[in-house]
């Protein structure tokens, strides 16, 4: 009996010690469950490669609409992720000094700066600290892309928007106002022009940053003449070519781009073309149910999945790489109450996510993170609304691949005109302040679990 009691006591003590050791390891972050999943391949170390996906405006309603339209039994690629969490996205209001008051409904510039730098700032600002007013530049914040370059990693930046738009801009530029995208767009940022001794427009800074792969729209910004510095009078494209950057303007050119030399691919003068089109939203109950028209993107423009695949191939190297990929027009079509445009961009963004997750399966030292910068306006509502229970915003009725009606309504901006139906277009819909989902696979992926703030991603994307 004494021996049995001694054994039980010893076993209990060992259990307590083991539990304490596990708790200590968890608290120190020395070993997490994501690393344990592939412990034989990369034990107790961070990722070699990081691929970050940003679905602009892709809140829970937007991703759910894409999932439902495709058929409720048809899983999306994001559903393959092992870890899922949520992030808050609030920005701050202008002020003379901290503490700054919260702004609950942010824009893409402030939220992008949040995950790119780990610091909060005001709306419209690109990786630059807050200040007393929009036109007063703040302190430049170091970005996750800049830190990756300092560590000797190759870096890439891909978007379906103009590559000078807010999300791609936050990685490789610093600007007081997001609209100062090209040399001819600097009227509201006079102190930041190269002629005034500043860093120049967003386009100029992206080229000056020597980003290894820069792909998207926005050719018109790069065709503007530079106003100061050694390339004054020449275009930003001229500057890129003079610095040994491969310049391509269509899908064929991208396909033939070679590794070992930086690549600038600009595939549209403005934002890249939409993938899908469909019925126009209108006030009240909306249109008779109709299917979206797919495959609308012109063949000379590469898909986001193609750009992602090519970027990964160009960036692969022994030291590792950091790549950001944005599906930008989810947000833009949400603003425009264009349900098919919004869903088509989400579906094709998800295809690009699939490219990265397939790559991660054969390269387990790669971390893939997927999120949105902020939530948006679209809501899935009942399709059987009566005349006394009509949606209060703009509505679109779609026939899903399950043969059912999916009704989306948009109601975060006024009706415009005299407020009477039918109308063919309305004011730009507002973002919303809800938390956004975060998905992740690979070493360190479990850091996204729970509810965090977007600033937390700055650490996650560094593999820390």
Protein backbone atom coordinates (compact mmCIF):
# COMPACT_ATOMS: atom_id res chain seq x y z
CA UNK A 1 0.00 0.00 0.00
CA UNK A 2 2.87 2.36 0.84
CA UNK A 3 4.57 1.60 -2.49
CA UNK A 4 1.31 2.19 -4.37
CA UNK A 5 0.81 5.56 -2.65
CA UNK A 6 4.41 6.50 -3.41
CA UNK A 7 3.93 5.58 -7.07
CA UNK A 8 0.73 7.63 -7.34
CA UNK A 9 2.42 10.60 -5.70
CA UNK A 10 5.42 10.33 -7.99
CA UNK A 11 3.19 10.03 -11.07
CA UNK A 12 1.16 13.06 -9.99
CA UNK A 13 4.33 15.08 -9.41
CA UNK A 14 5.67 14.13 -12.84
CA UNK A 15 2.37 15.14 -14.41
CA UNK A 16 2.50 18.54 -12.70
CA UNK A 17 6.10 19.08 -13.82
CA UNK A 18 5.27 18.09 -17.40
CA UNK A 19 2.24 20.37 -17.44
CA UNK A 20 4.29 23.23 -16.06
CA UNK A 21 6.91 22.66 -18.74
CA UNK A 22 4.28 22.72 -21.47
CA UNK A 23 2.76 25.90 -20.04
CA UNK A 24 6.19 27.52 -19.90
CA UNK A 25 6.91 26.60 -23.52
CA UNK A 26 3.53 27.95 -24.61
CA UNK A 27 4.05 31.19 -22.70
CA UNK A 28 7.50 31.76 -24.18
CA UNK A 29 6.34 30.98 -27.72
CA UNK A 30 9.23 28.53 -28.09
CA UNK A 31 7.07 25.88 -29.69
CA UNK A 32 3.61 26.24 -31.19
CA UNK A 33 1.14 23.74 -32.54
CA UNK A 34 1.60 24.82 -36.15
CA UNK A 35 5.31 24.00 -35.89
CA UNK A 36 4.46 20.75 -34.10
CA UNK A 37 2.36 19.64 -37.09
CA UNK A 38 5.47 19.52 -39.25
CA UNK A 39 8.07 19.12 -36.50
CA UNK A 40 10.18 16.69 -38.52
CA UNK A 41 10.47 19.19 -41.37
CA UNK A 42 11.13 22.50 -39.63
CA UNK A 43 11.12 22.12 -35.84
CA UNK A 44 11.08 25.23 -33.66
CA UNK A 45 11.77 27.79 -36.38
CA UNK A 46 9.84 30.40 -38.26
CA UNK A 47 8.91 30.35 -41.93
CA UNK A 48 11.41 30.75 -44.74
CA UNK A 49 8.77 32.22 -47.06
CA UNK A 50 5.70 34.31 -46.24
CA UNK A 51 2.77 34.77 -48.65
CA UNK A 52 0.18 37.26 -47.45
CA UNK A 53 -3.23 37.59 -49.12
CA UNK A 54 -5.46 40.62 -48.66
CA UNK A 55 -9.03 40.51 -49.94
CA UNK A 56 -9.93 44.18 -49.93
CA UNK A 57 -13.32 44.64 -48.24
CA UNK A 58 -13.72 40.86 -47.94
CA UNK A 59 -15.62 40.62 -44.68
CA UNK A 60 -17.57 37.58 -43.53
CA UNK A 61 -20.59 38.45 -45.70
CA UNK A 62 -18.48 38.83 -48.86
CA UNK A 63 -16.67 35.51 -48.44
CA UNK A 64 -19.96 33.80 -47.53
CA UNK A 65 -21.70 35.20 -50.63
CA UNK A 66 -18.92 33.75 -52.81
CA UNK A 67 -19.16 30.41 -51.01
CA UNK A 68 -22.95 30.23 -51.36
CA UNK A 69 -22.99 31.31 -55.01
CA UNK A 70 -20.55 28.54 -55.93
CA UNK A 71 -22.75 25.97 -54.14
CA UNK A 72 -22.91 25.32 -50.42
CA UNK A 73 -21.20 21.92 -50.78
CA UNK A 74 -18.33 23.41 -52.80
CA UNK A 75 -15.59 24.43 -50.37
CA UNK A 76 -13.39 27.45 -51.02
CA UNK A 77 -9.62 27.32 -50.80
CA UNK A 78 -9.61 29.40 -47.63
CA UNK A 79 -11.54 26.57 -46.02
CA UNK A 80 -8.37 24.46 -46.35
CA UNK A 81 -6.56 26.61 -43.79
CA UNK A 82 -5.88 24.90 -40.45
CA UNK A 83 -6.17 28.04 -38.34
CA UNK A 84 -8.79 30.79 -38.34
CA UNK A 85 -9.16 33.87 -36.17
CA UNK A 86 -10.57 37.39 -36.28
CA UNK A 87 -8.96 40.84 -36.33
CA UNK A 88 -10.26 44.24 -35.33
CA UNK A 89 -9.43 46.95 -37.87
CA UNK A 90 -10.04 50.37 -36.27
CA UNK A 91 -7.89 53.34 -37.22
CA UNK A 92 -7.36 56.62 -35.35
CA UNK A 93 -8.54 60.20 -35.78
CA UNK A 94 -6.20 63.13 -36.46
CA UNK A 95 -4.75 64.84 -33.41
CA UNK A 96 -1.81 66.92 -32.27
CA UNK A 97 -0.42 64.11 -30.11
CA UNK A 98 -1.21 60.71 -28.59
CA UNK A 99 -3.40 59.24 -27.26
CA UNK A 100 -5.41 59.34 -30.49
CA UNK A 101 -9.13 58.64 -30.49
CA UNK A 102 -10.36 55.53 -32.32
CA UNK A 103 -12.06 55.64 -35.72
CA UNK A 104 -14.22 52.51 -35.89
CA UNK A 105 -14.85 52.50 -39.66
CA UNK A 106 -11.43 52.68 -41.36
CA UNK A 107 -10.19 52.92 -44.93
CA UNK A 108 -7.71 50.66 -46.72
CA UNK A 109 -4.77 53.04 -46.23
CA UNK A 110 -4.95 53.15 -42.45
CA UNK A 111 -5.71 49.44 -42.07
CA UNK A 112 -2.98 48.54 -44.57
CA UNK A 113 -0.53 50.67 -42.62
CA UNK A 114 -1.70 48.84 -39.49
CA UNK A 115 -0.72 45.33 -40.63
CA UNK A 116 2.25 46.55 -42.67
CA UNK A 117 3.88 48.53 -39.85
CA UNK A 118 2.29 47.33 -36.60
CA UNK A 119 1.16 50.87 -35.78
CA UNK A 120 -2.14 52.73 -35.97
CA UNK A 121 -2.60 55.79 -38.13
CA UNK A 122 -5.29 58.01 -39.62
CA UNK A 123 -7.35 57.27 -42.73
CA UNK A 124 -5.77 58.12 -46.10
CA UNK A 125 -2.26 57.73 -44.68
CA UNK A 126 0.32 55.38 -46.22
CA UNK A 127 2.75 53.84 -43.67
CA UNK A 128 3.13 57.16 -41.97
CA UNK A 129 2.17 58.16 -38.45
CA UNK A 130 -0.82 60.32 -37.50
CA UNK A 131 -0.68 64.10 -37.27
CA UNK A 132 -2.96 67.03 -36.56
CA UNK A 133 -4.39 67.17 -40.10
CA UNK A 134 -4.51 65.20 -43.35
CA UNK A 135 -2.09 67.51 -45.15
CA UNK A 136 0.54 67.45 -42.41
CA UNK A 137 2.99 64.56 -43.00
CA UNK A 138 3.66 62.25 -40.08
CA UNK A 139 6.62 60.06 -39.15
CA UNK A 140 7.46 57.33 -41.67
CA UNK A 141 6.95 53.83 -40.26
CA UNK A 142 9.11 50.89 -41.29
CA UNK A 143 7.15 48.21 -43.17
CA UNK A 144 7.26 44.43 -43.14
CA UNK A 145 8.48 44.49 -46.77
CA UNK A 146 11.33 46.84 -45.90
CA UNK A 147 12.32 44.60 -42.98
CA UNK A 148 12.25 41.56 -45.26
CA UNK A 149 14.60 43.34 -47.67
CA UNK A 150 16.95 44.15 -44.79
CA UNK A 151 17.07 40.44 -43.95
CA UNK A 152 18.11 39.68 -47.52
CA UNK A 153 14.78 38.22 -48.64
CA UNK A 154 13.33 38.79 -52.08
CA UNK A 155 10.04 40.70 -52.03
CA UNK A 156 6.95 40.89 -54.22
CA UNK A 157 3.81 43.01 -54.36
CA UNK A 158 0.80 42.00 -56.48
CA UNK A 159 -2.66 43.57 -56.87
CA UNK A 160 -5.65 43.69 -59.21
CA UNK A 161 -5.90 47.42 -58.46
CA UNK A 162 -3.50 50.08 -59.58
CA UNK A 163 -0.28 48.92 -57.91
CA UNK A 164 -0.07 52.42 -56.41
CA UNK A 165 -3.43 51.98 -54.64
CA UNK A 166 -3.57 51.92 -50.84
CA UNK A 167 -2.90 48.26 -50.05
CA UNK A 168 0.16 47.68 -52.26
CA UNK A 169 1.35 51.23 -51.50
CA UNK A 170 1.66 50.66 -47.73
CA UNK A 171 4.46 48.13 -48.25
CA UNK A 172 6.88 50.16 -50.34
CA UNK A 173 6.05 53.85 -49.86
CA UNK A 174 5.30 56.51 -47.26
CA UNK A 175 2.76 59.24 -47.99
CA UNK A 176 0.45 61.57 -46.12
CA UNK A 177 -2.42 61.05 -48.60
CA UNK A 178 -3.14 57.87 -50.55
CA UNK A 179 -4.19 59.80 -53.67
CA UNK A 180 -0.64 61.03 -54.35
CA UNK A 181 0.05 58.03 -56.55
CA UNK A 182 2.01 59.39 -59.54
CA UNK A 183 4.28 62.42 -60.12
CA UNK A 184 1.33 64.33 -61.62
CA UNK A 185 -0.90 63.50 -58.64
CA UNK A 186 1.11 65.31 -55.97
CA UNK A 187 -0.85 68.58 -55.66
CA UNK A 188 -2.05 67.66 -52.17
CA UNK A 189 1.38 66.39 -51.07
CA UNK A 190 3.66 69.29 -52.08
CA UNK A 191 6.23 68.73 -49.32
CA UNK A 192 6.72 65.10 -50.40
CA UNK A 193 7.65 65.63 -54.06
CA UNK A 194 11.18 64.91 -55.19
CA UNK A 195 11.45 68.53 -56.31
CA UNK A 196 10.84 69.55 -52.68
CA UNK A 197 13.37 67.04 -51.39
CA UNK A 198 10.79 64.37 -50.51
CA UNK A 199 10.56 60.70 -51.47
CA UNK A 200 8.34 61.38 -54.46
CA UNK A 201 5.03 59.86 -55.48
CA UNK A 202 3.99 56.32 -54.57
CA UNK A 203 4.94 55.06 -58.05
CA UNK A 204 8.42 56.57 -57.77
CA UNK A 205 8.94 55.14 -54.30
CA UNK A 206 7.87 51.64 -55.39
CA UNK A 207 10.53 51.72 -58.12
CA UNK A 208 13.13 53.26 -55.79
CA UNK A 209 12.45 50.45 -53.28
CA UNK A 210 13.71 47.92 -55.85
CA UNK A 211 10.83 45.54 -55.24
CA UNK A 212 11.75 42.30 -56.99
CA UNK A 213 8.26 41.65 -58.38
CA UNK A 214 5.66 44.41 -58.78
CA UNK A 215 2.51 43.36 -60.68
CA UNK A 216 -0.91 44.95 -61.16
CA UNK A 217 -2.69 47.84 -62.84
CA UNK A 218 -1.86 51.54 -62.77
CA UNK A 219 0.23 51.95 -65.92
CA UNK A 220 -1.07 55.52 -66.23
CA UNK A 221 0.65 56.51 -62.97
CA UNK A 222 4.01 55.17 -64.14
CA UNK A 223 3.76 56.91 -67.53
CA UNK A 224 3.71 60.32 -65.83
CA UNK A 225 6.87 62.47 -66.05
CA UNK A 226 8.97 62.84 -62.90
CA UNK A 227 9.28 66.41 -61.62
CA UNK A 228 12.53 66.33 -59.64
CA UNK A 229 15.71 64.40 -58.97
CA UNK A 230 18.02 62.65 -61.44
CA UNK A 231 15.15 61.39 -63.62
CA UNK A 232 13.30 64.71 -63.92
CA UNK A 233 11.48 64.90 -67.23
CA UNK A 234 11.50 61.14 -67.73
CA UNK A 235 8.62 58.83 -66.82
CA UNK A 236 8.62 56.40 -63.91
CA UNK A 237 8.71 53.58 -66.49
CA UNK A 238 11.88 55.14 -67.93
CA UNK A 239 13.35 55.21 -64.43
CA UNK A 240 12.49 51.54 -63.91
CA UNK A 241 14.09 50.49 -67.18
CA UNK A 242 17.20 52.56 -66.44
CA UNK A 243 17.54 50.63 -63.19
CA UNK A 244 17.51 47.27 -64.94
CA UNK A 245 13.90 46.37 -64.21
CA UNK A 246 12.10 44.14 -66.72
CA UNK A 247 8.94 45.92 -67.88
CA UNK A 248 5.96 43.92 -69.16
CA UNK A 249 2.44 45.04 -70.07
CA UNK A 250 0.46 41.89 -70.89
CA UNK A 251 -0.02 38.23 -69.96
CA UNK A 252 2.41 37.02 -72.63
CA UNK A 253 5.09 39.40 -71.39
CA UNK A 254 4.63 38.21 -67.83
CA UNK A 255 4.89 34.58 -68.90
CA UNK A 256 8.23 35.26 -70.58
CA UNK A 257 9.72 37.29 -67.69
CA UNK A 258 12.92 35.75 -66.36
CA UNK A 259 14.09 35.25 -62.79
CA UNK A 260 17.21 37.02 -61.57
CA UNK A 261 16.10 40.50 -62.63
CA UNK A 262 13.34 42.63 -61.04
CA UNK A 263 10.01 42.69 -62.89
CA UNK A 264 7.48 45.53 -63.20
CA UNK A 265 4.23 44.33 -64.78
CA UNK A 266 1.49 46.89 -65.44
CA UNK A 267 -1.47 45.29 -67.23
CA UNK A 268 -4.02 48.10 -67.36
CA UNK A 269 -3.89 51.89 -67.38
CA UNK A 270 -6.12 51.87 -64.28
CA UNK A 271 -7.46 49.00 -62.20
CA UNK A 272 -7.37 45.58 -63.82
CA UNK A 273 -10.52 44.31 -65.53
CA UNK A 274 -13.28 42.48 -63.67
CA UNK A 275 -13.72 38.72 -63.88
CA UNK A 276 -17.56 38.61 -63.79
CA UNK A 277 -20.52 40.82 -64.67
CA UNK A 278 -24.21 40.62 -63.87
CA UNK A 279 -27.49 42.36 -63.05
CA UNK A 280 -27.50 45.89 -61.66
CA UNK A 281 -28.70 46.48 -58.11
CA UNK A 282 -31.80 48.60 -57.57
CA UNK A 283 -33.80 49.91 -54.64
CA UNK A 284 -36.16 47.58 -52.83
CA UNK A 285 -36.64 43.97 -53.88
CA UNK A 286 -34.32 44.17 -56.91
CA UNK A 287 -34.20 42.30 -60.20
CA UNK A 288 -35.60 38.92 -61.16
CA UNK A 289 -33.02 36.25 -60.16
CA UNK A 290 -30.25 35.85 -62.73
CA UNK A 291 -26.88 34.11 -62.95
CA UNK A 292 -23.61 36.00 -63.22
CA UNK A 293 -21.71 36.08 -66.52
CA UNK A 294 -18.25 34.65 -65.90
CA UNK A 295 -14.89 34.83 -67.74
CA UNK A 296 -15.10 38.53 -68.62
CA UNK A 297 -11.44 39.42 -68.09
CA UNK A 298 -9.64 40.14 -71.41
CA UNK A 299 -7.01 37.55 -72.29
CA UNK A 300 -4.18 40.07 -72.42
CA UNK A 301 -4.53 40.63 -68.66
CA UNK A 302 -3.24 37.81 -66.43
CA UNK A 303 -5.50 36.44 -63.70
CA UNK A 304 -4.60 36.98 -60.06
CA UNK A 305 -3.83 33.25 -59.80
CA UNK A 306 -1.43 33.53 -62.76
CA UNK A 307 0.27 36.58 -61.26
CA UNK A 308 0.61 34.76 -57.93
CA UNK A 309 2.10 31.65 -59.52
CA UNK A 310 4.56 33.66 -61.60
CA UNK A 311 5.54 35.85 -58.64
CA UNK A 312 6.32 32.79 -56.52
CA UNK A 313 8.45 31.36 -59.32
CA UNK A 314 10.36 34.62 -59.74
CA UNK A 315 10.92 35.08 -56.02
CA UNK A 316 12.05 31.57 -55.04
CA UNK A 317 15.60 31.53 -53.66
CA UNK A 318 17.68 29.98 -50.89
CA UNK A 319 17.14 32.78 -48.37
CA UNK A 320 13.38 33.04 -48.78
CA UNK A 321 10.84 35.64 -49.85
CA UNK A 322 7.93 37.83 -48.77
CA UNK A 323 4.98 38.22 -51.15
CA UNK A 324 1.78 40.26 -50.74
CA UNK A 325 -1.19 39.51 -53.04
CA UNK A 326 -4.30 41.71 -53.07
CA UNK A 327 -7.71 40.98 -54.54
CA UNK A 328 -8.62 44.65 -54.74
CA UNK A 329 -11.93 44.91 -56.55
CA UNK A 330 -13.99 42.95 -54.05
CA UNK A 331 -14.08 46.27 -52.23
CA UNK A 332 -14.53 48.39 -55.34
CA UNK A 333 -17.55 46.40 -56.52
CA UNK A 334 -19.03 46.35 -53.02
CA UNK A 335 -18.86 50.16 -53.14
CA UNK A 336 -20.66 50.02 -56.50
CA UNK A 337 -23.39 47.54 -55.37
CA UNK A 338 -22.18 45.18 -58.12
CA UNK A 339 -22.88 41.74 -56.65
CA UNK A 340 -21.53 39.68 -59.55
CA UNK A 341 -18.42 41.84 -59.83
CA UNK A 342 -17.82 41.47 -56.10
CA UNK A 343 -18.40 37.70 -56.04
CA UNK A 344 -16.33 37.09 -59.17
CA UNK A 345 -13.39 38.95 -57.69
CA UNK A 346 -13.73 36.97 -54.45
CA UNK A 347 -13.85 33.63 -56.28
CA UNK A 348 -10.78 34.48 -58.33
CA UNK A 349 -8.96 35.80 -55.27
CA UNK A 350 -9.68 32.44 -53.66
CA UNK A 351 -8.16 30.68 -56.70
CA UNK A 352 -4.95 32.62 -56.09
CA UNK A 353 -5.07 31.52 -52.44
CA UNK A 354 -5.29 27.95 -53.75
CA UNK A 355 -2.06 28.46 -55.73
CA UNK A 356 -0.24 29.46 -52.55
CA UNK A 357 -1.72 26.66 -50.44
CA UNK A 358 -0.70 24.11 -53.09
CA UNK A 359 2.81 25.57 -52.99
CA UNK A 360 2.82 25.41 -49.19
CA UNK A 361 2.01 21.68 -49.28
CA UNK A 362 5.30 21.00 -51.08
CA UNK A 363 7.18 23.80 -49.28
CA UNK A 364 6.21 23.33 -45.61
CA UNK A 365 8.58 26.13 -44.55
CA UNK A 366 6.13 28.63 -46.12
CA UNK A 367 3.57 30.57 -44.08
CA UNK A 368 0.36 31.54 -45.90
CA UNK A 369 -1.90 34.15 -44.26
CA UNK A 370 -5.23 35.36 -45.72
CA UNK A 371 -7.36 38.23 -44.41
CA UNK A 372 -9.28 41.39 -45.32
CA UNK A 373 -8.37 44.97 -44.53
CA UNK A 374 -11.88 45.90 -43.39
CA UNK A 375 -15.46 44.69 -43.61
CA UNK A 376 -17.95 46.05 -46.14
CA UNK A 377 -21.59 46.69 -46.82
CA UNK A 378 -23.12 43.67 -48.57
CA UNK A 379 -25.58 41.57 -46.58
CA UNK A 380 -27.22 38.25 -47.43
CA UNK A 381 -30.96 38.68 -46.77
CA UNK A 382 -34.14 36.70 -47.37
CA UNK A 383 -35.14 36.39 -51.03
CA UNK A 384 -38.86 36.18 -50.22
CA UNK A 385 -39.32 39.75 -48.97
CA UNK A 386 -42.89 40.98 -49.16
CA UNK A 387 -43.89 44.50 -50.11
CA UNK A 388 -44.07 45.33 -46.40
CA UNK A 389 -40.66 43.85 -45.63
CA UNK A 390 -38.46 45.05 -48.48
CA UNK A 391 -34.72 45.59 -47.94
CA UNK A 392 -33.97 49.25 -47.30
CA UNK A 393 -30.95 49.44 -49.62
CA UNK A 394 -30.00 48.43 -53.14
CA UNK A 395 -30.65 44.75 -53.86
CA UNK A 396 -29.49 42.16 -56.40
CA UNK A 397 -30.97 38.67 -56.80
CA UNK A 398 -28.67 35.97 -58.15
CA UNK A 399 -29.36 32.40 -59.20
CA UNK A 400 -26.71 30.27 -57.51
CA UNK A 401 -25.18 27.05 -58.79
CA UNK A 402 -27.53 25.27 -56.38
CA UNK A 403 -30.40 26.74 -58.43
CA UNK A 404 -31.54 28.93 -55.55
CA UNK A 405 -31.96 32.70 -55.15
CA UNK A 406 -29.20 34.54 -53.29
CA UNK A 407 -30.25 38.09 -52.39
CA UNK A 408 -27.59 40.63 -51.55
CA UNK A 409 -28.47 44.08 -50.29
CA UNK A 410 -26.32 47.19 -49.87
CA UNK A 411 -27.41 49.88 -47.44
CA UNK A 412 -24.54 51.87 -45.94
CA UNK A 413 -25.02 54.93 -48.16
CA UNK A 414 -28.10 56.97 -49.07
CA UNK A 415 -30.29 56.28 -52.04
CA UNK A 416 -29.31 59.30 -54.12
CA UNK A 417 -31.65 61.23 -56.41
CA UNK A 418 -35.19 61.44 -55.07
CA UNK A 419 -34.94 58.09 -53.30
CA UNK A 420 -37.55 56.44 -55.53
CA UNK A 421 -37.08 53.05 -57.23
CA UNK A 422 -36.00 52.02 -59.73
CA UNK A 423 -32.53 53.48 -60.01
CA UNK A 424 -29.58 52.03 -61.90
CA UNK A 425 -26.82 53.30 -59.65
CA UNK A 426 -26.36 54.95 -56.30
CA UNK A 427 -23.71 56.55 -54.11
CA UNK A 428 -20.56 54.71 -53.15
CA UNK A 429 -21.36 52.38 -50.27
CA UNK A 430 -19.40 52.75 -47.03
CA UNK A 431 -17.12 50.26 -45.32
CA UNK A 432 -18.23 48.77 -42.01
CA UNK A 433 -16.34 48.38 -38.75
CA UNK A 434 -16.85 44.66 -38.09
CA UNK A 435 -14.00 42.27 -37.33
CA UNK A 436 -12.56 40.43 -40.34
CA UNK A 437 -11.57 36.76 -40.64
CA UNK A 438 -7.93 35.63 -40.77
CA UNK A 439 -6.85 32.24 -42.11
CA UNK A 440 -3.35 30.72 -41.97
CA UNK A 441 -1.33 27.61 -42.79
CA UNK A 442 2.31 26.79 -42.14
CA UNK A 443 4.90 27.49 -39.44
CA UNK A 444 3.60 30.06 -36.97
CA UNK A 445 0.07 29.89 -38.38
CA UNK A 446 -1.55 29.37 -35.00
CA UNK A 447 -0.61 32.94 -34.06
CA UNK A 448 -3.79 34.08 -35.82
CA UNK A 449 -6.05 32.16 -33.43
CA UNK A 450 -8.49 34.09 -31.29
CA UNK A 451 -9.42 37.74 -31.73
CA UNK A 452 -6.49 40.09 -32.31
CA UNK A 453 -5.92 43.51 -33.80
CA UNK A 454 -4.60 44.03 -37.33
CA UNK A 455 -1.36 45.41 -35.89
CA UNK A 456 -0.67 41.87 -34.63
CA UNK A 457 -0.20 40.70 -38.23
CA UNK A 458 2.96 42.80 -38.51
CA UNK A 459 4.64 40.37 -36.11
CA UNK A 460 3.04 37.29 -37.67
CA UNK A 461 4.23 38.26 -41.16
CA UNK A 462 7.80 38.52 -39.95
CA UNK A 463 7.62 34.91 -38.78
CA UNK A 464 7.94 35.91 -35.13
